[in-house]
């Protein structure tokens, strides 16, 4: 059998390299053993391909750790269909404005609208093992782009700034949950058919969602006429599971009559418990029982006594209902 051809991938050209000013259409796609397009004369895999490969393979379990709203960053990345939040930038971009969005047209990582508004998207296909680095890279490209420019997916150009370097880390996100994606086209007169069609498709798939006010990073949603609560929590997983087991063992993990704790999933290093709610439970009606449960959870987290037999069995059952998204 003949040798398999080397996998080819887009090549990022670093600043200051020959050919950096070429348009994206001029940037070649090369295999690892071919000459690096930066002009060094070395093979790509031994030159800029090495940095790109390391950036793509590095895995960060909690990419949003250190940001004031880590739990909301995870929620916007994984469970909220349509929402935005203004970003307060720092460093060389201090004074500039940008908007974080769950989804952008055609799942672009970034976008500069025709009115100059800069957007960066969280829910994008692919990416490296560090979501913070991916989003920061798209944000930098958008901040440097001209109005009317979409930021297409690209290979990371090696190590570089993360969100923790570009966004003021101590400023909490002011999350604005939206009923759809019409904000894509606010202030835009020349609306391309592709973007309009993408917006319409996205709007059709939006699940009604409300951000709760009694606690942080909890989201009520309605999926196929059933209501649920998904709550991203910042606690150590072992301590949280023990606390939930204590509450489950005594029947104190309910969010009101007809509600049921159904399990949890892990996302970006955090645990996201999920409850089924009684039919017709609105987000407003859930605020009081959720606040009460939050108090019980705090007490359970503070309890350092060993779990009794019933709580240990409950913990085993809870662990069997956990899965990992990322």
C-alpha atoms as a PDB file:
ATOM      1  CA  UNK A   1       0.000   0.000   0.000  1.00  0.00           C
ATOM      2  CA  UNK A   2       1.183   3.523  -0.709  1.00  0.00           C
ATOM      3  CA  UNK A   3       1.925   6.015   2.004  1.00  0.00           C
ATOM      4  CA  UNK A   4      -0.950   8.082   3.240  1.00  0.00           C
ATOM      5  CA  UNK A   5      -0.684  11.729   2.318  1.00  0.00           C
ATOM      6  CA  UNK A   6       0.071  14.083   5.194  1.00  0.00           C
ATOM      7  CA  UNK A   7      -2.919  15.903   6.592  1.00  0.00           C
ATOM      8  CA  UNK A   8      -3.010  19.500   5.470  1.00  0.00           C
ATOM      9  CA  UNK A   9      -4.205  22.401   7.512  1.00  0.00           C
ATOM     10  CA  UNK A  10      -4.434  26.192   7.249  1.00  0.00           C
ATOM     11  CA  UNK A  11      -1.197  27.876   8.208  1.00  0.00           C
ATOM     12  CA  UNK A  12      -1.143  30.885  10.539  1.00  0.00           C
ATOM     13  CA  UNK A  13       1.556  33.410   9.579  1.00  0.00           C
ATOM     14  CA  UNK A  14       3.065  35.152  12.606  1.00  0.00           C
ATOM     15  CA  UNK A  15       3.493  38.948  12.786  1.00  0.00           C
ATOM     16  CA  UNK A  16       6.636  40.203  11.093  1.00  0.00           C
ATOM     17  CA  UNK A  17       7.066  37.153   8.850  1.00  0.00           C
ATOM     18  CA  UNK A  18       7.391  37.449   5.061  1.00  0.00           C
ATOM     19  CA  UNK A  19       3.958  37.163   3.486  1.00  0.00           C
ATOM     20  CA  UNK A  20       2.130  38.363   6.630  1.00  0.00           C
ATOM     21  CA  UNK A  21       0.318  41.051   4.652  1.00  0.00           C
ATOM     22  CA  UNK A  22      -1.075  38.592   2.121  1.00  0.00           C
ATOM     23  CA  UNK A  23      -4.810  38.078   1.993  1.00  0.00           C
ATOM     24  CA  UNK A  24      -6.251  34.898   3.461  1.00  0.00           C
ATOM     25  CA  UNK A  25      -6.739  33.574  -0.071  1.00  0.00           C
ATOM     26  CA  UNK A  26      -2.966  33.852  -0.618  1.00  0.00           C
ATOM     27  CA  UNK A  27      -2.045  31.869   2.499  1.00  0.00           C
ATOM     28  CA  UNK A  28      -1.197  28.322   1.363  1.00  0.00           C
ATOM     29  CA  UNK A  29      -2.232  25.106   2.994  1.00  0.00           C
ATOM     30  CA  UNK A  30       0.790  22.919   3.617  1.00  0.00           C
ATOM     31  CA  UNK A  31       1.663  19.551   5.062  1.00  0.00           C
ATOM     32  CA  UNK A  32       4.075  19.187   7.963  1.00  0.00           C
ATOM     33  CA  UNK A  33       7.037  18.178   5.776  1.00  0.00           C
ATOM     34  CA  UNK A  34       6.639  21.017   3.273  1.00  0.00           C
ATOM     35  CA  UNK A  35       8.520  24.340   3.534  1.00  0.00           C
ATOM     36  CA  UNK A  36       7.048  26.737   6.087  1.00  0.00           C
ATOM     37  CA  UNK A  37       5.374  29.679   4.310  1.00  0.00           C
ATOM     38  CA  UNK A  38       6.976  32.138   6.751  1.00  0.00           C
ATOM     39  CA  UNK A  39      10.088  32.028   4.546  1.00  0.00           C
ATOM     40  CA  UNK A  40      12.463  30.502   7.099  1.00  0.00           C
ATOM     41  CA  UNK A  41      13.447  27.652   4.783  1.00  0.00           C
ATOM     42  CA  UNK A  42      12.554  25.064   7.442  1.00  0.00           C
ATOM     43  CA  UNK A  43       9.817  22.450   7.212  1.00  0.00           C
ATOM     44  CA  UNK A  44       6.453  23.610   8.525  1.00  0.00           C
ATOM     45  CA  UNK A  45       6.250  20.968  11.275  1.00  0.00           C
ATOM     46  CA  UNK A  46       9.654  22.089  12.625  1.00  0.00           C
ATOM     47  CA  UNK A  47       8.831  25.784  12.363  1.00  0.00           C
ATOM     48  CA  UNK A  48       5.459  27.473  12.943  1.00  0.00           C
ATOM     49  CA  UNK A  49       3.621  24.177  12.727  1.00  0.00           C
ATOM     50  CA  UNK A  50       5.213  23.156  16.033  1.00  0.00           C
ATOM     51  CA  UNK A  51       3.773  26.151  17.895  1.00  0.00           C
ATOM     52  CA  UNK A  52       0.371  25.688  16.298  1.00  0.00           C
ATOM     53  CA  UNK A  53       0.376  22.005  17.195  1.00  0.00           C
ATOM     54  CA  UNK A  54       1.294  22.648  20.827  1.00  0.00           C
ATOM     55  CA  UNK A  55      -1.436  25.294  21.122  1.00  0.00           C
ATOM     56  CA  UNK A  56      -4.011  22.947  19.646  1.00  0.00           C
ATOM     57  CA  UNK A  57      -3.093  20.013  21.863  1.00  0.00           C
ATOM     58  CA  UNK A  58      -2.758  21.785  25.232  1.00  0.00           C
ATOM     59  CA  UNK A  59      -5.755  21.052  27.437  1.00  0.00           C
ATOM     60  CA  UNK A  60      -6.982  23.412  30.148  1.00  0.00           C
ATOM     61  CA  UNK A  61      -9.603  21.800  32.377  1.00  0.00           C
ATOM     62  CA  UNK A  62     -11.007  25.105  33.672  1.00  0.00           C
ATOM     63  CA  UNK A  63     -10.391  27.594  30.855  1.00  0.00           C
ATOM     64  CA  UNK A  64     -12.472  30.390  32.430  1.00  0.00           C
ATOM     65  CA  UNK A  65     -10.992  30.097  35.922  1.00  0.00           C
ATOM     66  CA  UNK A  66      -9.933  33.468  37.290  1.00  0.00           C
ATOM     67  CA  UNK A  67     -12.703  35.403  35.550  1.00  0.00           C
ATOM     68  CA  UNK A  68     -15.253  36.974  37.906  1.00  0.00           C
ATOM     69  CA  UNK A  69     -18.179  35.212  36.212  1.00  0.00           C
ATOM     70  CA  UNK A  70     -16.597  31.829  35.503  1.00  0.00           C
ATOM     71  CA  UNK A  71     -19.930  30.063  36.024  1.00  0.00           C
ATOM     72  CA  UNK A  72     -21.748  32.333  33.568  1.00  0.00           C
ATOM     73  CA  UNK A  73     -18.956  31.952  31.010  1.00  0.00           C
ATOM     74  CA  UNK A  74     -19.516  28.186  31.190  1.00  0.00           C
ATOM     75  CA  UNK A  75     -23.296  28.622  30.992  1.00  0.00           C
ATOM     76  CA  UNK A  76     -23.067  30.859  27.922  1.00  0.00           C
ATOM     77  CA  UNK A  77     -20.673  28.407  26.320  1.00  0.00           C
ATOM     78  CA  UNK A  78     -22.760  25.288  26.970  1.00  0.00           C
ATOM     79  CA  UNK A  79     -26.413  25.801  27.938  1.00  0.00           C
ATOM     80  CA  UNK A  80     -27.759  29.264  27.054  1.00  0.00           C
ATOM     81  CA  UNK A  81     -29.011  29.554  23.464  1.00  0.00           C
ATOM     82  CA  UNK A  82     -29.100  33.324  22.943  1.00  0.00           C
ATOM     83  CA  UNK A  83     -27.455  35.883  25.200  1.00  0.00           C
ATOM     84  CA  UNK A  84     -24.964  38.731  25.166  1.00  0.00           C
ATOM     85  CA  UNK A  85     -22.744  40.488  27.694  1.00  0.00           C
ATOM     86  CA  UNK A  86     -20.596  43.576  27.325  1.00  0.00           C
ATOM     87  CA  UNK A  87     -16.882  42.971  27.871  1.00  0.00           C
ATOM     88  CA  UNK A  88     -14.677  45.466  29.654  1.00  0.00           C
ATOM     89  CA  UNK A  89     -11.243  45.150  28.110  1.00  0.00           C
ATOM     90  CA  UNK A  90      -7.833  45.812  29.583  1.00  0.00           C
ATOM     91  CA  UNK A  91      -4.210  46.155  28.504  1.00  0.00           C
ATOM     92  CA  UNK A  92      -3.624  47.571  25.053  1.00  0.00           C
ATOM     93  CA  UNK A  93      -7.369  47.357  24.346  1.00  0.00           C
ATOM     94  CA  UNK A  94      -8.447  49.321  27.421  1.00  0.00           C
ATOM     95  CA  UNK A  95     -11.156  51.760  26.393  1.00  0.00           C
ATOM     96  CA  UNK A  96     -12.310  49.592  23.501  1.00  0.00           C
ATOM     97  CA  UNK A  97     -15.690  47.870  23.661  1.00  0.00           C
ATOM     98  CA  UNK A  98     -16.721  44.376  22.617  1.00  0.00           C
ATOM     99  CA  UNK A  99     -19.758  42.183  23.072  1.00  0.00           C
ATOM    100  CA  UNK A 100     -19.686  38.533  24.065  1.00  0.00           C
ATOM    101  CA  UNK A 101     -22.376  36.482  22.300  1.00  0.00           C
ATOM    102  CA  UNK A 102     -23.373  32.865  22.661  1.00  0.00           C
ATOM    103  CA  UNK A 103     -23.658  32.405  18.893  1.00  0.00           C
ATOM    104  CA  UNK A 104     -22.763  34.533  15.867  1.00  0.00           C
ATOM    105  CA  UNK A 105     -23.902  34.155  12.233  1.00  0.00           C
ATOM    106  CA  UNK A 106     -22.699  30.941  10.614  1.00  0.00           C
ATOM    107  CA  UNK A 107     -21.028  30.089  13.957  1.00  0.00           C
ATOM    108  CA  UNK A 108     -18.228  32.589  13.280  1.00  0.00           C
ATOM    109  CA  UNK A 109     -15.791  32.994  16.205  1.00  0.00           C
ATOM    110  CA  UNK A 110     -15.935  36.768  15.808  1.00  0.00           C
ATOM    111  CA  UNK A 111     -17.563  39.540  13.849  1.00  0.00           C
ATOM    112  CA  UNK A 112     -17.226  43.272  13.267  1.00  0.00           C
ATOM    113  CA  UNK A 113     -20.624  44.566  12.200  1.00  0.00           C
ATOM    114  CA  UNK A 114     -20.884  47.220   9.519  1.00  0.00           C
ATOM    115  CA  UNK A 115     -21.547  49.793  12.237  1.00  0.00           C
ATOM    116  CA  UNK A 116     -18.174  48.904  13.816  1.00  0.00           C
ATOM    117  CA  UNK A 117     -19.560  46.927  16.767  1.00  0.00           C
ATOM    118  CA  UNK A 118     -17.160  44.123  17.757  1.00  0.00           C
ATOM    119  CA  UNK A 119     -18.576  40.717  18.720  1.00  0.00           C
ATOM    120  CA  UNK A 120     -16.926  37.494  19.836  1.00  0.00           C
ATOM    121  CA  UNK A 121     -18.760  34.158  19.922  1.00  0.00           C
ATOM    122  CA  UNK A 122     -18.551  31.398  22.515  1.00  0.00           C
ATOM    123  CA  UNK A 123     -20.393  28.503  20.884  1.00  0.00           C
ATOM    124  CA  UNK A 124     -18.168  27.629  17.943  1.00  0.00           C
ATOM    125  CA  UNK A 125     -17.191  24.327  16.312  1.00  0.00           C
ATOM    126  CA  UNK A 126     -13.733  22.897  16.782  1.00  0.00           C
ATOM    127  CA  UNK A 127     -11.070  24.786  18.675  1.00  0.00           C
ATOM    128  CA  UNK A 128      -8.055  23.839  20.751  1.00  0.00           C
ATOM    129  CA  UNK A 129      -7.871  22.413  24.242  1.00  0.00           C
ATOM    130  CA  UNK A 130      -8.069  25.895  25.771  1.00  0.00           C
ATOM    131  CA  UNK A 131     -11.380  27.635  25.141  1.00  0.00           C
ATOM    132  CA  UNK A 132     -10.079  30.818  26.768  1.00  0.00           C
ATOM    133  CA  UNK A 133      -7.198  31.048  24.299  1.00  0.00           C
ATOM    134  CA  UNK A 134      -9.542  30.326  21.366  1.00  0.00           C
ATOM    135  CA  UNK A 135     -11.975  33.091  22.293  1.00  0.00           C
ATOM    136  CA  UNK A 136      -9.169  35.543  23.065  1.00  0.00           C
ATOM    137  CA  UNK A 137      -7.591  34.914  19.667  1.00  0.00           C
ATOM    138  CA  UNK A 138     -10.901  35.561  17.882  1.00  0.00           C
ATOM    139  CA  UNK A 139     -11.436  38.685  19.999  1.00  0.00           C
ATOM    140  CA  UNK A 140      -8.018  40.074  19.073  1.00  0.00           C
ATOM    141  CA  UNK A 141      -8.658  39.440  15.380  1.00  0.00           C
ATOM    142  CA  UNK A 142     -12.023  41.200  15.614  1.00  0.00           C
ATOM    143  CA  UNK A 143     -10.533  44.188  17.447  1.00  0.00           C
ATOM    144  CA  UNK A 144      -8.034  44.593  14.617  1.00  0.00           C
ATOM    145  CA  UNK A 145     -10.503  44.073  11.738  1.00  0.00           C
ATOM    146  CA  UNK A 146     -12.388  46.571   9.614  1.00  0.00           C
ATOM    147  CA  UNK A 147     -16.185  47.081   9.863  1.00  0.00           C
ATOM    148  CA  UNK A 148     -18.165  44.430   8.030  1.00  0.00           C
ATOM    149  CA  UNK A 149     -15.552  41.710   8.627  1.00  0.00           C
ATOM    150  CA  UNK A 150     -16.440  38.207   9.854  1.00  0.00           C
ATOM    151  CA  UNK A 151     -13.721  36.318  11.728  1.00  0.00           C
ATOM    152  CA  UNK A 152     -13.472  32.839  10.248  1.00  0.00           C
ATOM    153  CA  UNK A 153     -12.273  29.787  12.209  1.00  0.00           C
ATOM    154  CA  UNK A 154      -8.498  29.418  12.081  1.00  0.00           C
ATOM    155  CA  UNK A 155      -5.636  27.465  13.583  1.00  0.00           C
ATOM    156  CA  UNK A 156      -4.162  29.060  16.700  1.00  0.00           C
ATOM    157  CA  UNK A 157      -0.830  30.771  15.935  1.00  0.00           C
ATOM    158  CA  UNK A 158       0.917  29.262  18.951  1.00  0.00           C
ATOM    159  CA  UNK A 159       0.839  30.636  22.477  1.00  0.00           C
ATOM    160  CA  UNK A 160      -0.729  34.016  23.109  1.00  0.00           C
ATOM    161  CA  UNK A 161      -3.128  36.029  25.260  1.00  0.00           C
ATOM    162  CA  UNK A 162      -6.059  34.357  26.977  1.00  0.00           C
ATOM    163  CA  UNK A 163      -9.312  35.980  28.055  1.00  0.00           C
ATOM    164  CA  UNK A 164      -7.782  36.553  31.484  1.00  0.00           C
ATOM    165  CA  UNK A 165      -5.244  38.836  29.739  1.00  0.00           C
ATOM    166  CA  UNK A 166      -7.730  40.801  27.616  1.00  0.00           C
ATOM    167  CA  UNK A 167     -10.822  41.105  29.837  1.00  0.00           C
ATOM    168  CA  UNK A 168     -10.899  42.803  33.232  1.00  0.00           C
ATOM    169  CA  UNK A 169     -11.029  39.622  35.349  1.00  0.00           C
ATOM    170  CA  UNK A 170     -12.700  41.195  38.384  1.00  0.00           C
ATOM    171  CA  UNK A 171     -15.683  42.612  36.489  1.00  0.00           C
ATOM    172  CA  UNK A 172     -18.736  40.333  36.482  1.00  0.00           C
ATOM    173  CA  UNK A 173     -20.689  39.707  33.295  1.00  0.00           C
ATOM    174  CA  UNK A 174     -24.040  41.464  32.985  1.00  0.00           C
ATOM    175  CA  UNK A 175     -25.747  38.674  31.059  1.00  0.00           C
ATOM    176  CA  UNK A 176     -28.649  39.686  28.824  1.00  0.00           C
ATOM    177  CA  UNK A 177     -30.664  36.623  27.796  1.00  0.00           C
ATOM    178  CA  UNK A 178     -32.353  37.287  24.454  1.00  0.00           C
ATOM    179  CA  UNK A 179     -35.356  35.716  22.734  1.00  0.00           C
ATOM    180  CA  UNK A 180     -33.424  35.393  19.481  1.00  0.00           C
ATOM    181  CA  UNK A 181     -30.511  36.647  17.415  1.00  0.00           C
ATOM    182  CA  UNK A 182     -31.942  39.816  15.908  1.00  0.00           C
ATOM    183  CA  UNK A 183     -29.115  41.726  17.612  1.00  0.00           C
ATOM    184  CA  UNK A 184     -26.836  40.405  14.868  1.00  0.00           C
ATOM    185  CA  UNK A 185     -28.376  42.925  12.499  1.00  0.00           C
ATOM    186  CA  UNK A 186     -29.023  45.903  14.775  1.00  0.00           C
ATOM    187  CA  UNK A 187     -27.768  49.015  13.005  1.00  0.00           C
ATOM    188  CA  UNK A 188     -26.955  47.061   9.835  1.00  0.00           C
ATOM    189  CA  UNK A 189     -28.675  48.234   6.656  1.00  0.00           C
ATOM    190  CA  UNK A 190     -26.890  46.014   4.139  1.00  0.00           C
ATOM    191  CA  UNK A 191     -28.053  42.582   5.287  1.00  0.00           C
ATOM    192  CA  UNK A 192     -26.569  39.678   3.363  1.00  0.00           C
ATOM    193  CA  UNK A 193     -28.988  36.850   2.491  1.00  0.00           C
ATOM    194  CA  UNK A 194     -26.630  34.323   4.114  1.00  0.00           C
ATOM    195  CA  UNK A 195     -26.611  36.117   7.464  1.00  0.00           C
ATOM    196  CA  UNK A 196     -30.378  36.706   7.400  1.00  0.00           C
ATOM    197  CA  UNK A 197     -30.999  33.028   6.636  1.00  0.00           C
ATOM    198  CA  UNK A 198     -28.575  31.982   9.394  1.00  0.00           C
ATOM    199  CA  UNK A 199     -30.390  34.248  11.871  1.00  0.00           C
ATOM    200  CA  UNK A 200     -33.783  32.842  10.939  1.00  0.00           C
ATOM    201  CA  UNK A 201     -32.575  29.256  11.373  1.00  0.00           C
ATOM    202  CA  UNK A 202     -30.990  30.094  14.707  1.00  0.00           C
ATOM    203  CA  UNK A 203     -34.125  31.866  15.944  1.00  0.00           C
ATOM    204  CA  UNK A 204     -36.218  28.797  15.172  1.00  0.00           C
ATOM    205  CA  UNK A 205     -34.002  26.673  17.418  1.00  0.00           C
ATOM    206  CA  UNK A 206     -33.951  29.020  20.434  1.00  0.00           C
ATOM    207  CA  UNK A 207     -35.173  27.421  23.654  1.00  0.00           C
ATOM    208  CA  UNK A 208     -37.037  29.858  25.949  1.00  0.00           C
ATOM    209  CA  UNK A 209     -34.542  30.639  28.718  1.00  0.00           C
ATOM    210  CA  UNK A 210     -34.476  32.912  31.779  1.00  0.00           C
ATOM    211  CA  UNK A 211     -31.509  33.747  33.993  1.00  0.00           C
ATOM    212  CA  UNK A 212     -32.519  33.444  37.636  1.00  0.00           C
ATOM    213  CA  UNK A 213     -31.934  36.410  39.956  1.00  0.00           C
ATOM    214  CA  UNK A 214     -31.915  34.714  43.381  1.00  0.00           C
ATOM    215  CA  UNK A 215     -28.609  32.911  42.675  1.00  0.00           C
ATOM    216  CA  UNK A 216     -25.761  33.240  40.199  1.00  0.00           C
ATOM    217  CA  UNK A 217     -25.507  31.331  36.896  1.00  0.00           C
ATOM    218  CA  UNK A 218     -28.801  29.400  37.182  1.00  0.00           C
ATOM    219  CA  UNK A 219     -31.020  29.212  34.094  1.00  0.00           C
ATOM    220  CA  UNK A 220     -34.660  28.180  33.778  1.00  0.00           C
ATOM    221  CA  UNK A 221     -35.578  26.789  30.384  1.00  0.00           C
ATOM    222  CA  UNK A 222     -38.520  25.235  28.567  1.00  0.00           C
ATOM    223  CA  UNK A 223     -37.755  22.297  26.306  1.00  0.00           C
ATOM    224  CA  UNK A 224     -40.618  20.614  24.476  1.00  0.00           C
ATOM    225  CA  UNK A 225     -43.200  21.962  26.966  1.00  0.00           C
ATOM    226  CA  UNK A 226     -41.167  20.700  29.947  1.00  0.00           C
ATOM    227  CA  UNK A 227     -39.421  23.066  32.334  1.00  0.00           C
ATOM    228  CA  UNK A 228     -35.949  22.563  33.761  1.00  0.00           C
ATOM    229  CA  UNK A 229     -33.343  24.342  35.846  1.00  0.00           C
ATOM    230  CA  UNK A 230     -29.647  24.119  35.023  1.00  0.00           C
ATOM    231  CA  UNK A 231     -27.275  25.698  37.525  1.00  0.00           C
ATOM    232  CA  UNK A 232     -23.510  26.056  37.021  1.00  0.00           C
ATOM    233  CA  UNK A 233     -21.800  25.819  40.415  1.00  0.00           C
ATOM    234  CA  UNK A 234     -18.229  26.848  41.328  1.00  0.00           C
ATOM    235  CA  UNK A 235     -17.607  24.320  44.092  1.00  0.00           C
ATOM    236  CA  UNK A 236     -15.105  21.478  44.224  1.00  0.00           C
ATOM    237  CA  UNK A 237     -16.803  18.458  42.695  1.00  0.00           C
ATOM    238  CA  UNK A 238     -16.166  16.077  45.600  1.00  0.00           C
ATOM    239  CA  UNK A 239     -17.515  18.519  48.172  1.00  0.00           C
ATOM    240  CA  UNK A 240     -20.520  19.352  45.992  1.00  0.00           C
ATOM    241  CA  UNK A 241     -21.469  15.730  45.378  1.00  0.00           C
ATOM    242  CA  UNK A 242     -21.238  14.996  49.104  1.00  0.00           C
ATOM    243  CA  UNK A 243     -23.443  18.002  49.861  1.00  0.00           C
ATOM    244  CA  UNK A 244     -26.016  16.977  47.260  1.00  0.00           C
ATOM    245  CA  UNK A 245     -25.961  13.438  48.646  1.00  0.00           C
ATOM    246  CA  UNK A 246     -26.729  14.724  52.153  1.00  0.00           C
ATOM    247  CA  UNK A 247     -29.685  16.674  50.789  1.00  0.00           C
ATOM    248  CA  UNK A 248     -30.899  13.843  48.562  1.00  0.00           C
ATOM    249  CA  UNK A 249     -30.788  11.368  51.448  1.00  0.00           C
ATOM    250  CA  UNK A 250     -33.181  13.546  53.444  1.00  0.00           C
ATOM    251  CA  UNK A 251     -35.385  14.575  50.526  1.00  0.00           C
ATOM    252  CA  UNK A 252     -34.115  18.152  50.771  1.00  0.00           C
ATOM    253  CA  UNK A 253     -32.871  18.439  47.183  1.00  0.00           C
ATOM    254  CA  UNK A 254     -36.268  19.441  45.802  1.00  0.00           C
ATOM    255  CA  UNK A 255     -37.099  22.801  44.242  1.00  0.00           C
ATOM    256  CA  UNK A 256     -40.755  22.575  45.166  1.00  0.00           C
ATOM    257  CA  UNK A 257     -43.651  20.163  44.678  1.00  0.00           C
ATOM    258  CA  UNK A 258     -43.295  18.117  41.524  1.00  0.00           C
ATOM    259  CA  UNK A 259     -39.628  18.949  40.989  1.00  0.00           C
ATOM    260  CA  UNK A 260     -36.916  16.292  40.777  1.00  0.00           C
ATOM    261  CA  UNK A 261     -33.144  16.383  40.766  1.00  0.00           C
ATOM    262  CA  UNK A 262     -32.202  14.353  37.691  1.00  0.00           C
ATOM    263  CA  UNK A 263     -28.406  14.496  37.608  1.00  0.00           C
ATOM    264  CA  UNK A 264     -25.516  16.686  36.570  1.00  0.00           C
ATOM    265  CA  UNK A 265     -22.944  17.150  33.859  1.00  0.00           C
ATOM    266  CA  UNK A 266     -19.418  18.505  33.941  1.00  0.00           C
ATOM    267  CA  UNK A 267     -18.409  21.333  31.637  1.00  0.00           C
ATOM    268  CA  UNK A 268     -15.071  23.150  31.569  1.00  0.00           C
ATOM    269  CA  UNK A 269     -14.153  21.897  35.017  1.00  0.00           C
ATOM    270  CA  UNK A 270     -17.424  22.795  36.745  1.00  0.00           C
ATOM    271  CA  UNK A 271     -20.476  20.758  37.730  1.00  0.00           C
ATOM    272  CA  UNK A 272     -23.925  21.676  36.381  1.00  0.00           C
ATOM    273  CA  UNK A 273     -26.822  20.092  38.341  1.00  0.00           C
ATOM    274  CA  UNK A 274     -30.157  19.739  36.515  1.00  0.00           C
ATOM    275  CA  UNK A 275     -33.706  19.597  37.879  1.00  0.00           C
ATOM    276  CA  UNK A 276     -36.970  18.695  36.202  1.00  0.00           C
ATOM    277  CA  UNK A 277     -39.676  21.091  37.353  1.00  0.00           C
ATOM    278  CA  UNK A 278     -43.369  20.623  37.863  1.00  0.00           C
ATOM    279  CA  UNK A 279     -45.433  21.283  34.766  1.00  0.00           C
ATOM    280  CA  UNK A 280     -46.106  24.984  34.338  1.00  0.00           C
ATOM    281  CA  UNK A 281     -43.449  26.155  36.811  1.00  0.00           C
ATOM    282  CA  UNK A 282     -42.400  29.617  35.692  1.00  0.00           C
ATOM    283  CA  UNK A 283     -39.011  31.175  36.313  1.00  0.00           C
ATOM    284  CA  UNK A 284     -40.607  33.746  38.600  1.00  0.00           C
ATOM    285  CA  UNK A 285     -42.289  31.071  40.721  1.00  0.00           C
ATOM    286  CA  UNK A 286     -38.987  29.222  41.031  1.00  0.00           C
ATOM    287  CA  UNK A 287     -37.033  32.094  42.599  1.00  0.00           C
ATOM    288  CA  UNK A 288     -38.173  31.539  46.203  1.00  0.00           C
ATOM    289  CA  UNK A 289     -37.684  27.741  46.355  1.00  0.00           C
ATOM    290  CA  UNK A 290     -34.330  28.113  44.581  1.00  0.00           C
ATOM    291  CA  UNK A 291     -33.139  30.653  47.156  1.00  0.00           C
ATOM    292  CA  UNK A 292     -34.256  28.315  49.941  1.00  0.00           C
ATOM    293  CA  UNK A 293     -32.417  25.384  48.361  1.00  0.00           C
ATOM    294  CA  UNK A 294     -29.295  27.538  48.007  1.00  0.00           C
ATOM    295  CA  UNK A 295     -29.340  28.054  51.773  1.00  0.00           C
ATOM    296  CA  UNK A 296     -29.673  24.321  52.390  1.00  0.00           C
ATOM    297  CA  UNK A 297     -26.827  23.647  49.978  1.00  0.00           C
ATOM    298  CA  UNK A 298     -24.555  26.097  51.796  1.00  0.00           C
ATOM    299  CA  UNK A 299     -25.274  24.305  55.084  1.00  0.00           C
ATOM    300  CA  UNK A 300     -24.589  20.909  53.509  1.00  0.00           C
ATOM    301  CA  UNK A 301     -21.317  22.163  52.026  1.00  0.00           C
ATOM    302  CA  UNK A 302     -20.245  23.377  55.463  1.00  0.00           C
ATOM    303  CA  UNK A 303     -21.004  19.989  57.076  1.00  0.00           C
ATOM    304  CA  UNK A 304     -17.715  18.099  57.481  1.00  0.00           C
ATOM    305  CA  UNK A 305     -19.049  15.057  59.321  1.00  0.00           C
ATOM    306  CA  UNK A 306     -18.717  11.660  57.565  1.00  0.00           C
ATOM    307  CA  UNK A 307     -21.628  10.633  55.350  1.00  0.00           C
ATOM    308  CA  UNK A 308     -23.938   8.065  56.889  1.00  0.00           C
ATOM    309  CA  UNK A 309     -24.954   4.920  55.017  1.00  0.00           C
ATOM    310  CA  UNK A 310     -28.011   6.477  53.393  1.00  0.00           C
ATOM    311  CA  UNK A 311     -26.032   9.493  52.184  1.00  0.00           C
ATOM    312  CA  UNK A 312     -23.249   7.245  50.834  1.00  0.00           C
ATOM    313  CA  UNK A 313     -25.794   5.274  48.812  1.00  0.00           C
ATOM    314  CA  UNK A 314     -27.276   8.533  47.589  1.00  0.00           C
ATOM    315  CA  UNK A 315     -23.809   9.704  46.539  1.00  0.00           C
ATOM    316  CA  UNK A 316     -23.248   6.525  44.530  1.00  0.00           C
ATOM    317  CA  UNK A 317     -26.562   7.091  42.768  1.00  0.00           C
ATOM    318  CA  UNK A 318     -25.739  10.719  42.019  1.00  0.00           C
ATOM    319  CA  UNK A 319     -22.358   9.798  40.550  1.00  0.00           C
ATOM    320  CA  UNK A 320     -24.031   7.356  38.176  1.00  0.00           C
ATOM    321  CA  UNK A 321     -26.064  10.265  36.788  1.00  0.00           C
ATOM    322  CA  UNK A 322     -23.119  12.512  35.915  1.00  0.00           C
ATOM    323  CA  UNK A 323     -21.524  12.911  32.517  1.00  0.00           C
ATOM    324  CA  UNK A 324     -18.801  15.100  31.070  1.00  0.00           C
ATOM    325  CA  UNK A 325     -19.302  17.436  28.122  1.00  0.00           C
ATOM    326  CA  UNK A 326     -15.765  18.753  27.981  1.00  0.00           C
END
